[in-house]
């Protein structure tokens, strides 16, 4: 009777491990975000552009609808909003990039480093199964003040 229990228990444990691995790979398919400023340094009061790039898996695209939204969590720069991304590849954002405009505060100290951080909420769709989901990713970028 012990011989029957061991293989059954072993199979149950194996199934749990395999299903956990499958769920992990499903969850890891959400695009990640990288953020980089269009220049390395800015003068106080100068406007800049933060380029937000979606790192997608194969056959994953970022749709224009629902809209991409950006919320800054650091108060070190003044957010101006997203640039228009309505052009591009039909219903999807061109090159999986959007640009966010910001302004360096006029009273920023020369030689200081400012942090731009926030969250991006976006949709992403798989061409493989046609399923679209909502993603929410954090980002951080640093800029220098001249």
Protein backbone atom coordinates (compact mmCIF):
# COMPACT_ATOMS: atom_id res chain seq x y z
CA UNK A 1 0.00 0.00 0.00
CA UNK A 2 2.90 2.38 0.60
CA UNK A 3 4.08 1.76 -2.96
CA UNK A 4 0.78 3.09 -4.31
CA UNK A 5 0.87 6.27 -2.18
CA UNK A 6 4.41 7.30 -3.11
CA UNK A 7 3.84 7.46 -6.88
CA UNK A 8 0.46 9.19 -6.45
CA UNK A 9 1.98 11.78 -4.08
CA UNK A 10 4.91 12.24 -6.41
CA UNK A 11 2.58 12.84 -9.37
CA UNK A 12 0.53 15.39 -7.42
CA UNK A 13 3.68 17.29 -6.42
CA UNK A 14 4.99 17.17 -9.99
CA UNK A 15 1.69 18.54 -11.33
CA UNK A 16 1.77 21.38 -8.79
CA UNK A 17 5.33 22.29 -9.77
CA UNK A 18 4.55 22.19 -13.49
CA UNK A 19 1.39 24.27 -13.14
CA UNK A 20 3.24 26.84 -11.00
CA UNK A 21 5.90 27.10 -13.70
CA UNK A 22 3.23 27.58 -16.38
CA UNK A 23 1.53 30.34 -14.40
CA UNK A 24 4.85 32.09 -13.89
CA UNK A 25 5.55 32.19 -17.62
CA UNK A 26 2.05 33.55 -18.28
CA UNK A 27 2.52 36.33 -15.74
CA UNK A 28 5.95 37.27 -17.02
CA UNK A 29 4.56 38.07 -20.49
CA UNK A 30 3.43 41.57 -19.42
CA UNK A 31 5.64 44.20 -21.05
CA UNK A 32 8.15 46.03 -18.91
CA UNK A 33 8.92 49.75 -19.22
CA UNK A 34 12.19 51.59 -19.59
CA UNK A 35 12.42 55.37 -19.28
CA UNK A 36 15.17 57.57 -20.66
CA UNK A 37 15.39 61.34 -21.06
CA UNK A 38 16.06 62.78 -24.52
CA UNK A 39 19.17 64.57 -23.11
CA UNK A 40 21.55 63.95 -20.22
CA UNK A 41 21.32 67.42 -18.68
CA UNK A 42 18.91 70.36 -18.61
CA UNK A 43 18.95 73.99 -17.51
CA UNK A 44 16.56 75.09 -14.74
CA UNK A 45 13.16 75.84 -16.30
CA UNK A 46 13.97 73.88 -19.48
CA UNK A 47 11.50 71.43 -21.01
CA UNK A 48 12.46 67.87 -21.84
CA UNK A 49 11.09 64.61 -23.12
CA UNK A 50 11.06 61.30 -21.28
CA UNK A 51 10.96 58.40 -23.75
CA UNK A 52 8.97 55.47 -22.34
CA UNK A 53 9.72 52.24 -24.18
CA UNK A 54 7.61 49.12 -23.77
CA UNK A 55 9.73 45.98 -23.82
CA UNK A 56 7.32 43.42 -25.26
CA UNK A 57 7.56 39.74 -25.96
CA UNK A 58 7.21 38.26 -29.42
CA UNK A 59 3.88 39.12 -31.08
CA UNK A 60 2.81 41.51 -28.28
CA UNK A 61 1.69 45.03 -29.22
CA UNK A 62 0.58 48.10 -27.30
CA UNK A 63 -2.85 49.34 -28.49
CA UNK A 64 -3.78 53.03 -28.68
CA UNK A 65 -7.05 52.27 -26.89
CA UNK A 66 -7.18 52.11 -23.90
CA UNK A 67 -5.04 55.24 -23.64
CA UNK A 68 -1.62 55.08 -22.06
CA UNK A 69 -1.63 57.07 -18.81
CA UNK A 70 1.38 58.32 -16.88
CA UNK A 71 1.32 59.36 -13.22
CA UNK A 72 4.47 60.90 -11.76
CA UNK A 73 5.24 59.87 -8.19
CA UNK A 74 8.25 62.15 -7.66
CA UNK A 75 7.71 65.87 -7.39
CA UNK A 76 11.14 66.76 -8.75
CA UNK A 77 9.89 67.76 -12.23
CA UNK A 78 6.65 69.18 -13.53
CA UNK A 79 4.78 66.76 -15.79
CA UNK A 80 3.26 68.21 -18.95
CA UNK A 81 1.65 65.04 -20.35
CA UNK A 82 2.04 62.60 -23.20
CA UNK A 83 2.80 63.64 -26.74
CA UNK A 84 0.26 62.62 -29.37
CA UNK A 85 0.77 58.98 -30.40
CA UNK A 86 -2.32 58.63 -32.61
CA UNK A 87 -0.25 58.05 -35.78
CA UNK A 88 1.62 54.82 -36.35
CA UNK A 89 0.64 51.25 -37.06
CA UNK A 90 -3.17 51.27 -37.27
CA UNK A 91 -4.59 50.43 -33.84
CA UNK A 92 -1.16 50.03 -32.20
CA UNK A 93 1.50 52.42 -30.94
CA UNK A 94 4.37 52.77 -33.36
CA UNK A 95 7.66 51.18 -32.21
CA UNK A 96 6.18 50.55 -28.72
CA UNK A 97 7.29 54.02 -27.53
CA UNK A 98 5.53 57.07 -26.14
CA UNK A 99 7.00 60.44 -25.18
CA UNK A 100 6.17 62.26 -21.96
CA UNK A 101 6.89 66.00 -21.72
CA UNK A 102 8.24 67.51 -18.49
CA UNK A 103 9.75 70.76 -17.27
CA UNK A 104 12.68 71.12 -14.88
CA UNK A 105 11.72 73.48 -12.03
CA UNK A 106 13.09 77.00 -12.47
CA UNK A 107 14.58 76.86 -8.96
CA UNK A 108 16.46 73.56 -9.51
CA UNK A 109 20.02 73.72 -8.18
CA UNK A 110 22.79 73.67 -10.76
CA UNK A 111 24.81 70.44 -10.54
CA UNK A 112 21.99 68.49 -8.88
CA UNK A 113 20.47 65.23 -10.09
CA UNK A 114 16.69 64.96 -10.29
CA UNK A 115 14.70 61.73 -10.29
CA UNK A 116 11.68 61.26 -12.51
CA UNK A 117 9.61 58.32 -11.33
CA UNK A 118 6.07 57.19 -11.82
CA UNK A 119 3.67 54.57 -13.11
CA UNK A 120 2.44 53.81 -16.61
CA UNK A 121 -0.93 52.15 -17.15
CA UNK A 122 -1.45 50.64 -20.61
CA UNK A 123 -3.10 47.88 -22.59
CA UNK A 124 -1.17 45.11 -24.31
CA UNK A 125 -2.41 42.53 -26.77
CA UNK A 126 -1.09 39.17 -27.88
CA UNK A 127 -1.29 38.44 -31.60
CA UNK A 128 -1.04 34.73 -30.76
CA UNK A 129 -4.30 34.34 -28.83
CA UNK A 130 -5.95 37.75 -29.44
CA UNK A 131 -6.25 38.43 -25.71
CA UNK A 132 -5.73 41.97 -24.45
CA UNK A 133 -4.85 42.82 -20.86
CA UNK A 134 -4.07 45.90 -18.77
CA UNK A 135 -0.55 46.45 -17.47
CA UNK A 136 0.75 48.83 -14.82
CA UNK A 137 4.50 49.31 -14.55
CA UNK A 138 6.75 51.64 -12.58
CA UNK A 139 9.66 53.58 -14.06
CA UNK A 140 12.55 55.72 -12.86
CA UNK A 141 14.95 57.99 -14.74
CA UNK A 142 17.54 60.51 -13.61
CA UNK A 143 18.50 63.83 -15.15
CA UNK A 144 21.25 66.33 -14.31
CA UNK A 145 20.72 70.04 -13.93
CA UNK A 146 23.30 72.25 -15.69
